[in-house]
Amino acid sequence: VKGEPTFSVELTNPGTAATDPVQVWAALPAGFEFVAASDSGGTADNKQVGWRLPGLAPGASKTLTLKLRAVAPAEGVIRTVASCAAHTE
């Protein structure tokens, strides 16, 4: 759909051990609003989308998708951050 681009975020574990669970955030640029995200990603404030994922196996990769709607003429960058949350048992 025109004005509703879909973006991809690829996560990769190049290591030899599995990661802990992964949290990913994507900050939405001004002029865009959230439409949909893969893997149960969601937003509470329409400014940031978040995902909570299980760990990645060694050598594994995972692609997340994010669909936005342009609501005003704009240029922007989608900033993403991924972090592993250590298990506490």
PDB file of N, CA and C in Angstrom:
ATOM      1  N   VAL A   1       0.849  -1.167   0.000  1.00  0.00           N
ATOM      2  CA  VAL A   1       0.000   0.000   0.000  1.00  0.00           C
ATOM      3  C   VAL A   1       0.898   1.235   0.000  1.00  0.00           C
ATOM      4  N   LYS A   2       0.572   2.175  -0.874  1.00  0.00           N
ATOM      5  CA  LYS A   2       1.350   3.406  -0.934  1.00  0.00           C
ATOM      6  C   LYS A   2       1.234   4.154   0.394  1.00  0.00           C
ATOM      7  N   GLY A   3       2.364   4.624   0.889  1.00  0.00           N
ATOM      8  CA  GLY A   3       2.364   5.342   2.151  1.00  0.00           C
ATOM      9  C   GLY A   3       2.407   4.444   3.367  1.00  0.00           C
ATOM     10  N   GLU A   4       2.529   3.104   3.172  1.00  0.00           N
ATOM     11  CA  GLU A   4       2.636   2.163   4.285  1.00  0.00           C
ATOM     12  C   GLU A   4       3.833   1.243   4.053  1.00  0.00           C
ATOM     13  N   PRO A   5       5.050   1.772   4.224  1.00  0.00           N
ATOM     14  CA  PRO A   5       6.235   0.952   3.992  1.00  0.00           C
ATOM     15  C   PRO A   5       6.409  -0.113   5.076  1.00  0.00           C
ATOM     16  N   THR A   6       7.039  -1.212   4.683  1.00  0.00           N
ATOM     17  CA  THR A   6       7.391  -2.279   5.618  1.00  0.00           C
ATOM     18  C   THR A   6       8.909  -2.317   5.727  1.00  0.00           C
ATOM     19  N   PHE A   7       9.401  -2.327   6.963  1.00  0.00           N
ATOM     20  CA  PHE A   7      10.824  -2.353   7.239  1.00  0.00           C
ATOM     21  C   PHE A   7      11.190  -3.686   7.867  1.00  0.00           C
ATOM     22  N   SER A   8      12.428  -4.111   7.682  1.00  0.00           N
ATOM     23  CA  SER A   8      12.916  -5.364   8.262  1.00  0.00           C
ATOM     24  C   SER A   8      14.081  -5.079   9.193  1.00  0.00           C
ATOM     25  N   VAL A   9      14.117  -5.810  10.297  1.00  0.00           N
ATOM     26  CA  VAL A   9      15.227  -5.761  11.246  1.00  0.00           C
ATOM     27  C   VAL A   9      15.737  -7.188  11.357  1.00  0.00           C
ATOM     28  N   GLU A  10      17.004  -7.412  11.029  1.00  0.00           N
ATOM     29  CA  GLU A  10      17.564  -8.762  11.093  1.00  0.00           C
ATOM     30  C   GLU A  10      18.491  -8.891  12.286  1.00  0.00           C
ATOM     31  N   LEU A  11      18.219  -9.895  13.104  1.00  0.00           N
ATOM     32  CA  LEU A  11      19.059 -10.221  14.252  1.00  0.00           C
ATOM     33  C   LEU A  11      19.859 -11.458  13.903  1.00  0.00           C
ATOM     34  N   THR A  12      21.126 -11.498  14.287  1.00  0.00           N
ATOM     35  CA  THR A  12      21.976 -12.643  14.002  1.00  0.00           C
ATOM     36  C   THR A  12      22.819 -12.955  15.224  1.00  0.00           C
ATOM     37  N   ASN A  13      22.969 -14.237  15.524  1.00  0.00           N
ATOM     38  CA  ASN A  13      23.863 -14.679  16.592  1.00  0.00           C
ATOM     39  C   ASN A  13      25.047 -15.396  15.948  1.00  0.00           C
ATOM     40  N   PRO A  14      26.161 -14.686  15.738  1.00  0.00           N
ATOM     41  CA  PRO A  14      27.322 -15.312  15.106  1.00  0.00           C
ATOM     42  C   PRO A  14      28.154 -16.137  16.090  1.00  0.00           C
ATOM     43  N   GLY A  15      27.756 -16.162  17.361  1.00  0.00           N
ATOM     44  CA  GLY A  15      28.528 -16.847  18.393  1.00  0.00           C
ATOM     45  C   GLY A  15      28.367 -18.354  18.376  1.00  0.00           C
ATOM     46  N   THR A  16      28.991 -18.986  19.362  1.00  0.00           N
ATOM     47  CA  THR A  16      28.956 -20.450  19.472  1.00  0.00           C
ATOM     48  C   THR A  16      28.040 -20.915  20.595  1.00  0.00           C
ATOM     49  N   ALA A  17      27.379 -19.989  21.274  1.00  0.00           N
ATOM     50  CA  ALA A  17      26.431 -20.324  22.334  1.00  0.00           C
ATOM     51  C   ALA A  17      25.125 -19.577  22.086  1.00  0.00           C
ATOM     52  N   ALA A  18      24.033 -20.137  22.592  1.00  0.00           N
ATOM     53  CA  ALA A  18      22.730 -19.478  22.467  1.00  0.00           C
ATOM     54  C   ALA A  18      22.714 -18.200  23.288  1.00  0.00           C
ATOM     55  N   THR A  19      21.920 -17.239  22.869  1.00  0.00           N
ATOM     56  CA  THR A  19      21.769 -16.004  23.635  1.00  0.00           C
ATOM     57  C   THR A  19      20.681 -16.183  24.684  1.00  0.00           C
ATOM     58  N   ASP A  20      20.648 -15.273  25.633  1.00  0.00           N
ATOM     59  CA  ASP A  20      19.518 -15.165  26.549  1.00  0.00           C
ATOM     60  C   ASP A  20      18.362 -14.579  25.744  1.00  0.00           C
ATOM     61  N   PRO A  21      17.154 -14.498  26.324  1.00  0.00           N
ATOM     62  CA  PRO A  21      16.044 -13.858  25.606  1.00  0.00           C
ATOM     63  C   PRO A  21      16.445 -12.460  25.126  1.00  0.00           C
ATOM     64  N   VAL A  22      15.878 -12.056  23.999  1.00  0.00           N
ATOM     65  CA  VAL A  22      16.253 -10.811  23.349  1.00  0.00           C
ATOM     66  C   VAL A  22      15.079  -9.835  23.381  1.00  0.00           C
ATOM     67  N   GLN A  23      15.377  -8.591  23.711  1.00  0.00           N
ATOM     68  CA  GLN A  23      14.397  -7.514  23.620  1.00  0.00           C
ATOM     69  C   GLN A  23      14.870  -6.566  22.533  1.00  0.00           C
ATOM     70  N   VAL A  24      13.945  -6.151  21.675  1.00  0.00           N
ATOM     71  CA  VAL A  24      14.276  -5.252  20.568  1.00  0.00           C
ATOM     72  C   VAL A  24      13.315  -4.072  20.615  1.00  0.00           C
ATOM     73  N   TRP A  25      13.855  -2.871  20.385  1.00  0.00           N
ATOM     74  CA  TRP A  25      13.043  -1.662  20.317  1.00  0.00           C
ATOM     75  C   TRP A  25      13.374  -0.931  19.029  1.00  0.00           C
ATOM     76  N   ALA A  26      12.367  -0.348  18.409  1.00  0.00           N
ATOM     77  CA  ALA A  26      12.553   0.486  17.221  1.00  0.00           C
ATOM     78  C   ALA A  26      11.832   1.810  17.476  1.00  0.00           C
ATOM     79  N   ALA A  27      12.571   2.909  17.404  1.00  0.00           N
ATOM     80  CA  ALA A  27      11.983   4.238  17.586  1.00  0.00           C
ATOM     81  C   ALA A  27      11.415   4.710  16.254  1.00  0.00           C
ATOM     82  N   LEU A  28      10.158   5.112  16.265  1.00  0.00           N
ATOM     83  CA  LEU A  28       9.503   5.543  15.033  1.00  0.00           C
ATOM     84  C   LEU A  28       9.822   7.008  14.751  1.00  0.00           C
ATOM     85  N   PRO A  29      10.161   7.324  13.504  1.00  0.00           N
ATOM     86  CA  PRO A  29      10.446   8.719  13.164  1.00  0.00           C
ATOM     87  C   PRO A  29       9.161   9.549  13.116  1.00  0.00           C
ATOM     88  N   ALA A  30       9.305  10.844  13.337  1.00  0.00           N
ATOM     89  CA  ALA A  30       8.161  11.758  13.239  1.00  0.00           C
ATOM     90  C   ALA A  30       7.570  11.657  11.835  1.00  0.00           C
ATOM     91  N   GLY A  31       6.257  11.739  11.743  1.00  0.00           N
ATOM     92  CA  GLY A  31       5.581  11.675  10.458  1.00  0.00           C
ATOM     93  C   GLY A  31       5.096  10.278  10.101  1.00  0.00           C
ATOM     94  N   PHE A  32       5.357   9.298  10.980  1.00  0.00           N
ATOM     95  CA  PHE A  32       4.920   7.919  10.743  1.00  0.00           C
ATOM     96  C   PHE A  32       4.170   7.418  11.955  1.00  0.00           C
ATOM     97  N   GLU A  33       3.211   6.520  11.719  1.00  0.00           N
ATOM     98  CA  GLU A  33       2.531   5.864  12.825  1.00  0.00           C
ATOM     99  C   GLU A  33       2.572   4.357  12.619  1.00  0.00           C
ATOM    100  N   PHE A  34       2.471   3.633  13.705  1.00  0.00           N
ATOM    101  CA  PHE A  34       2.534   2.178  13.726  1.00  0.00           C
ATOM    102  C   PHE A  34       1.297   1.577  13.065  1.00  0.00           C
ATOM    103  N   VAL A  35       1.511   0.556  12.219  1.00  0.00           N
ATOM    104  CA  VAL A  35       0.408  -0.202  11.621  1.00  0.00           C
ATOM    105  C   VAL A  35       0.431  -1.639  12.135  1.00  0.00           C
ATOM    106  N   ALA A  36       1.569  -2.323  11.991  1.00  0.00           N
ATOM    107  CA  ALA A  36       1.658  -3.725  12.402  1.00  0.00           C
ATOM    108  C   ALA A  36       3.120  -4.124  12.569  1.00  0.00           C
ATOM    109  N   ALA A  37       3.329  -5.210  13.326  1.00  0.00           N
ATOM    110  CA  ALA A  37       4.668  -5.759  13.510  1.00  0.00           C
ATOM    111  C   ALA A  37       4.560  -7.275  13.583  1.00  0.00           C
ATOM    112  N   SER A  38       5.598  -7.952  13.117  1.00  0.00           N
ATOM    113  CA  SER A  38       5.644  -9.406  13.202  1.00  0.00           C
ATOM    114  C   SER A  38       5.959  -9.834  14.634  1.00  0.00           C
ATOM    115  N   ASP A  39       5.827 -11.104  14.901  1.00  0.00           N
ATOM    116  CA  ASP A  39       6.289 -11.718  16.151  1.00  0.00           C
ATOM    117  C   ASP A  39       5.760 -11.037  17.407  1.00  0.00           C
ATOM    118  N   SER A  40       4.499 -10.646  17.383  1.00  0.00           N
ATOM    119  CA  SER A  40       3.827 -10.025  18.537  1.00  0.00           C
ATOM    120  C   SER A  40       4.454  -8.711  18.974  1.00  0.00           C
ATOM    121  N   GLY A  41       5.127  -8.031  18.058  1.00  0.00           N
ATOM    122  CA  GLY A  41       5.657  -6.705  18.376  1.00  0.00           C
ATOM    123  C   GLY A  41       4.513  -5.726  18.512  1.00  0.00           C
ATOM    124  N   GLY A  42       4.683  -4.739  19.359  1.00  0.00           N
ATOM    125  CA  GLY A  42       3.613  -3.777  19.552  1.00  0.00           C
ATOM    126  C   GLY A  42       4.118  -2.479  20.134  1.00  0.00           C
ATOM    127  N   THR A  43       3.194  -1.532  20.242  1.00  0.00           N
ATOM    128  CA  THR A  43       3.520  -0.210  20.769  1.00  0.00           C
ATOM    129  C   THR A  43       2.445   0.237  21.733  1.00  0.00           C
ATOM    130  N   ALA A  44       2.854   0.988  22.743  1.00  0.00           N
ATOM    131  CA  ALA A  44       1.893   1.565  23.679  1.00  0.00           C
ATOM    132  C   ALA A  44       1.716   3.053  23.427  1.00  0.00           C
ATOM    133  N   ASP A  45       2.713   3.679  22.766  1.00  0.00           N
ATOM    134  CA  ASP A  45       2.680   5.131  22.630  1.00  0.00           C
ATOM    135  C   ASP A  45       2.830   5.632  21.197  1.00  0.00           C
ATOM    136  N   ASN A  46       2.900   4.725  20.214  1.00  0.00           N
ATOM    137  CA  ASN A  46       3.059   5.052  18.795  1.00  0.00           C
ATOM    138  C   ASN A  46       4.367   5.791  18.509  1.00  0.00           C
ATOM    139  N   LYS A  47       5.330   5.720  19.445  1.00  0.00           N
ATOM    140  CA  LYS A  47       6.633   6.335  19.236  1.00  0.00           C
ATOM    141  C   LYS A  47       7.742   5.289  19.220  1.00  0.00           C
ATOM    142  N   GLN A  48       7.446   4.111  19.765  1.00  0.00           N
ATOM    143  CA  GLN A  48       8.431   3.048  19.860  1.00  0.00           C
ATOM    144  C   GLN A  48       7.714   1.708  19.765  1.00  0.00           C
ATOM    145  N   VAL A  49       8.310   0.768  19.036  1.00  0.00           N
ATOM    146  CA  VAL A  49       7.763  -0.585  18.922  1.00  0.00           C
ATOM    147  C   VAL A  49       8.717  -1.517  19.646  1.00  0.00           C
ATOM    148  N   GLY A  50       8.169  -2.477  20.377  1.00  0.00           N
ATOM    149  CA  GLY A  50       9.010  -3.410  21.120  1.00  0.00           C
ATOM    150  C   GLY A  50       8.642  -4.855  20.844  1.00  0.00           C
ATOM    151  N   TRP A  51       9.647  -5.710  20.929  1.00  0.00           N
ATOM    152  CA  TRP A  51       9.486  -7.152  20.791  1.00  0.00           C
ATOM    153  C   TRP A  51      10.200  -7.830  21.954  1.00  0.00           C
ATOM    154  N   ARG A  52       9.668  -8.946  22.428  1.00  0.00           N
ATOM    155  CA  ARG A  52      10.337  -9.816  23.397  1.00  0.00           C
ATOM    156  C   ARG A  52      10.430 -11.182  22.727  1.00  0.00           C
ATOM    157  N   LEU A  53      11.658 -11.642  22.546  1.00  0.00           N
ATOM    158  CA  LEU A  53      11.891 -12.871  21.794  1.00  0.00           C
ATOM    159  C   LEU A  53      12.669 -13.874  22.632  1.00  0.00           C
ATOM    160  N   PRO A  54      12.501 -15.165  22.338  1.00  0.00           N
ATOM    161  CA  PRO A  54      13.353 -16.152  22.995  1.00  0.00           C
ATOM    162  C   PRO A  54      14.790 -15.972  22.505  1.00  0.00           C
ATOM    163  N   GLY A  55      15.719 -16.622  23.155  1.00  0.00           N
ATOM    164  CA  GLY A  55      17.119 -16.533  22.743  1.00  0.00           C
ATOM    165  C   GLY A  55      17.325 -17.074  21.337  1.00  0.00           C
ATOM    166  N   LEU A  56      18.438 -16.657  20.736  1.00  0.00           N
ATOM    167  CA  LEU A  56      18.817 -17.149  19.412  1.00  0.00           C
ATOM    168  C   LEU A  56      19.859 -18.251  19.560  1.00  0.00           C
ATOM    169  N   ALA A  57      19.668 -19.326  18.853  1.00  0.00           N
ATOM    170  CA  ALA A  57      20.632 -20.432  18.852  1.00  0.00           C
ATOM    171  C   ALA A  57      21.925 -19.982  18.171  1.00  0.00           C
ATOM    172  N   PRO A  58      23.030 -20.668  18.427  1.00  0.00           N
ATOM    173  CA  PRO A  58      24.289 -20.311  17.761  1.00  0.00           C
ATOM    174  C   PRO A  58      24.120 -20.346  16.242  1.00  0.00           C
ATOM    175  N   GLY A  59      24.573 -19.295  15.573  1.00  0.00           N
ATOM    176  CA  GLY A  59      24.493 -19.223  14.120  1.00  0.00           C
ATOM    177  C   GLY A  59      23.115 -18.897  13.568  1.00  0.00           C
ATOM    178  N   ALA A  60      22.133 -18.727  14.444  1.00  0.00           N
ATOM    179  CA  ALA A  60      20.759 -18.474  13.990  1.00  0.00           C
ATOM    180  C   ALA A  60      20.548 -17.000  13.677  1.00  0.00           C
ATOM    181  N   SER A  61      19.523 -16.750  12.883  1.00  0.00           N
ATOM    182  CA  SER A  61      19.117 -15.377  12.610  1.00  0.00           C
ATOM    183  C   SER A  61      17.599 -15.300  12.662  1.00  0.00           C
ATOM    184  N   LYS A  62      17.090 -14.102  12.858  1.00  0.00           N
ATOM    185  CA  LYS A  62      15.661 -13.857  12.957  1.00  0.00           C
ATOM    186  C   LYS A  62      15.373 -12.516  12.307  1.00  0.00           C
ATOM    187  N   THR A  63      14.369 -12.458  11.448  1.00  0.00           N
ATOM    188  CA  THR A  63      13.985 -11.213  10.808  1.00  0.00           C
ATOM    189  C   THR A  63      12.635 -10.759  11.360  1.00  0.00           C
ATOM    190  N   LEU A  64      12.609  -9.538  11.843  1.00  0.00           N
ATOM    191  CA  LEU A  64      11.380  -8.916  12.330  1.00  0.00           C
ATOM    192  C   LEU A  64      10.921  -7.921  11.283  1.00  0.00           C
ATOM    193  N   THR A  65       9.608  -7.747  11.151  1.00  0.00           N
ATOM    194  CA  THR A  65       9.110  -6.740  10.215  1.00  0.00           C
ATOM    195  C   THR A  65       8.242  -5.732  10.957  1.00  0.00           C
ATOM    196  N   LEU A  66       8.229  -4.541  10.415  1.00  0.00           N
ATOM    197  CA  LEU A  66       7.517  -3.420  11.001  1.00  0.00           C
ATOM    198  C   LEU A  66       6.867  -2.636   9.871  1.00  0.00           C
ATOM    199  N   LYS A  67       5.544  -2.491   9.942  1.00  0.00           N
ATOM    200  CA  LYS A  67       4.812  -1.732   8.925  1.00  0.00           C
ATOM    201  C   LYS A  67       4.351  -0.422   9.532  1.00  0.00           C
ATOM    202  N   LEU A  68       4.647   0.666   8.828  1.00  0.00           N
ATOM    203  CA  LEU A  68       4.288   2.002   9.283  1.00  0.00           C
ATOM    204  C   LEU A  68       3.398   2.689   8.260  1.00  0.00           C
ATOM    205  N   ARG A  69       2.751   3.768   8.678  1.00  0.00           N
ATOM    206  CA  ARG A  69       1.937   4.585   7.781  1.00  0.00           C
ATOM    207  C   ARG A  69       2.483   6.005   7.829  1.00  0.00           C
ATOM    208  N   ALA A  70       2.737   6.561   6.639  1.00  0.00           N
ATOM    209  CA  ALA A  70       3.169   7.954   6.562  1.00  0.00           C
ATOM    210  C   ALA A  70       1.943   8.832   6.792  1.00  0.00           C
ATOM    211  N   VAL A  71       2.018   9.710   7.802  1.00  0.00           N
ATOM    212  CA  VAL A  71       0.892  10.588   8.120  1.00  0.00           C
ATOM    213  C   VAL A  71       1.209  12.045   7.799  1.00  0.00           C
ATOM    214  N   ALA A  72       2.460  12.294   7.438  1.00  0.00           N
ATOM    215  CA  ALA A  72       2.881  13.644   7.062  1.00  0.00           C
ATOM    216  C   ALA A  72       4.146  13.497   6.228  1.00  0.00           C
ATOM    217  N   PRO A  73       4.404  14.439   5.334  1.00  0.00           N
ATOM    218  CA  PRO A  73       5.658  14.377   4.588  1.00  0.00           C
ATOM    219  C   PRO A  73       6.827  14.415   5.586  1.00  0.00           C
ATOM    220  N   ALA A  74       7.722  13.456   5.462  1.00  0.00           N
ATOM    221  CA  ALA A  74       8.816  13.392   6.428  1.00  0.00           C
ATOM    222  C   ALA A  74       9.943  12.531   5.902  1.00  0.00           C
ATOM    223  N   GLU A  75      11.118  12.799   6.422  1.00  0.00           N
ATOM    224  CA  GLU A  75      12.257  11.920   6.258  1.00  0.00           C
ATOM    225  C   GLU A  75      12.613  11.469   7.652  1.00  0.00           C
ATOM    226  N   GLY A  76      13.064  10.257   7.771  1.00  0.00           N
ATOM    227  CA  GLY A  76      13.397   9.808   9.116  1.00  0.00           C
ATOM    228  C   GLY A  76      14.245   8.565   9.106  1.00  0.00           C
ATOM    229  N   VAL A  77      14.760   8.265  10.271  1.00  0.00           N
ATOM    230  CA  VAL A  77      15.574   7.085  10.490  1.00  0.00           C
ATOM    231  C   VAL A  77      14.897   6.265  11.574  1.00  0.00           C
ATOM    232  N   ILE A  78      14.806   4.978  11.372  1.00  0.00           N
ATOM    233  CA  ILE A  78      14.288   4.096  12.411  1.00  0.00           C
ATOM    234  C   ILE A  78      15.492   3.582  13.188  1.00  0.00           C
ATOM    235  N   ARG A  79      15.592   3.989  14.425  1.00  0.00           N
ATOM    236  CA  ARG A  79      16.703   3.560  15.272  1.00  0.00           C
ATOM    237  C   ARG A  79      16.273   2.295  16.016  1.00  0.00           C
ATOM    238  N   THR A  80      17.113   1.279  15.961  1.00  0.00           N
ATOM    239  CA  THR A  80      16.789   0.023  16.626  1.00  0.00           C
ATOM    240  C   THR A  80      17.860  -0.320  17.655  1.00  0.00           C
ATOM    241  N   VAL A  81      17.417  -0.962  18.723  1.00  0.00           N
ATOM    242  CA  VAL A  81      18.311  -1.434  19.777  1.00  0.00           C
ATOM    243  C   VAL A  81      17.872  -2.837  20.149  1.00  0.00           C
ATOM    244  N   ALA A  82      18.836  -3.746  20.271  1.00  0.00           N
ATOM    245  CA  ALA A  82      18.554  -5.112  20.726  1.00  0.00           C
ATOM    246  C   ALA A  82      19.425  -5.381  21.938  1.00  0.00           C
ATOM    247  N   SER A  83      18.844  -6.040  22.938  1.00  0.00           N
ATOM    248  CA  SER A  83      19.624  -6.402  24.118  1.00  0.00           C
ATOM    249  C   SER A  83      19.174  -7.763  24.615  1.00  0.00           C
ATOM    250  N   CYS A  84      20.077  -8.449  25.271  1.00  0.00           N
ATOM    251  CA  CYS A  84      19.777  -9.742  25.864  1.00  0.00           C
ATOM    252  C   CYS A  84      19.569  -9.547  27.350  1.00  0.00           C
ATOM    253  N   ALA A  85      18.503 -10.092  27.851  1.00  0.00           N
ATOM    254  CA  ALA A  85      18.219 -10.032  29.288  1.00  0.00           C
ATOM    255  C   ALA A  85      18.674 -11.347  29.901  1.00  0.00           C
ATOM    256  N   ALA A  86      19.603 -11.280  30.802  1.00  0.00           N
ATOM    257  CA  ALA A  86      20.121 -12.496  31.444  1.00  0.00           C
ATOM    258  C   ALA A  86      19.016 -13.177  32.253  1.00  0.00           C
ATOM    259  N   HIS A  87      19.051 -14.499  32.223  1.00  0.00           N
ATOM    260  CA  HIS A  87      18.098 -15.283  33.017  1.00  0.00           C
ATOM    261  C   HIS A  87      18.388 -15.101  34.501  1.00  0.00           C
ATOM    262  N   THR A  88      17.346 -14.943  35.280  1.00  0.00           N
ATOM    263  CA  THR A  88      17.494 -14.966  36.727  1.00  0.00           C
ATOM    264  C   THR A  88      16.583 -16.057  37.242  1.00  0.00           C
ATOM    265  N   GLU A  89      17.167 -17.037  37.837  1.00  0.00           N
ATOM    266  CA  GLU A  89      16.373 -18.188  38.280  1.00  0.00           C
ATOM    267  C   GLU A  89      16.468 -18.382  39.763  1.00  0.00           C
TER     268      GLU A  89
END
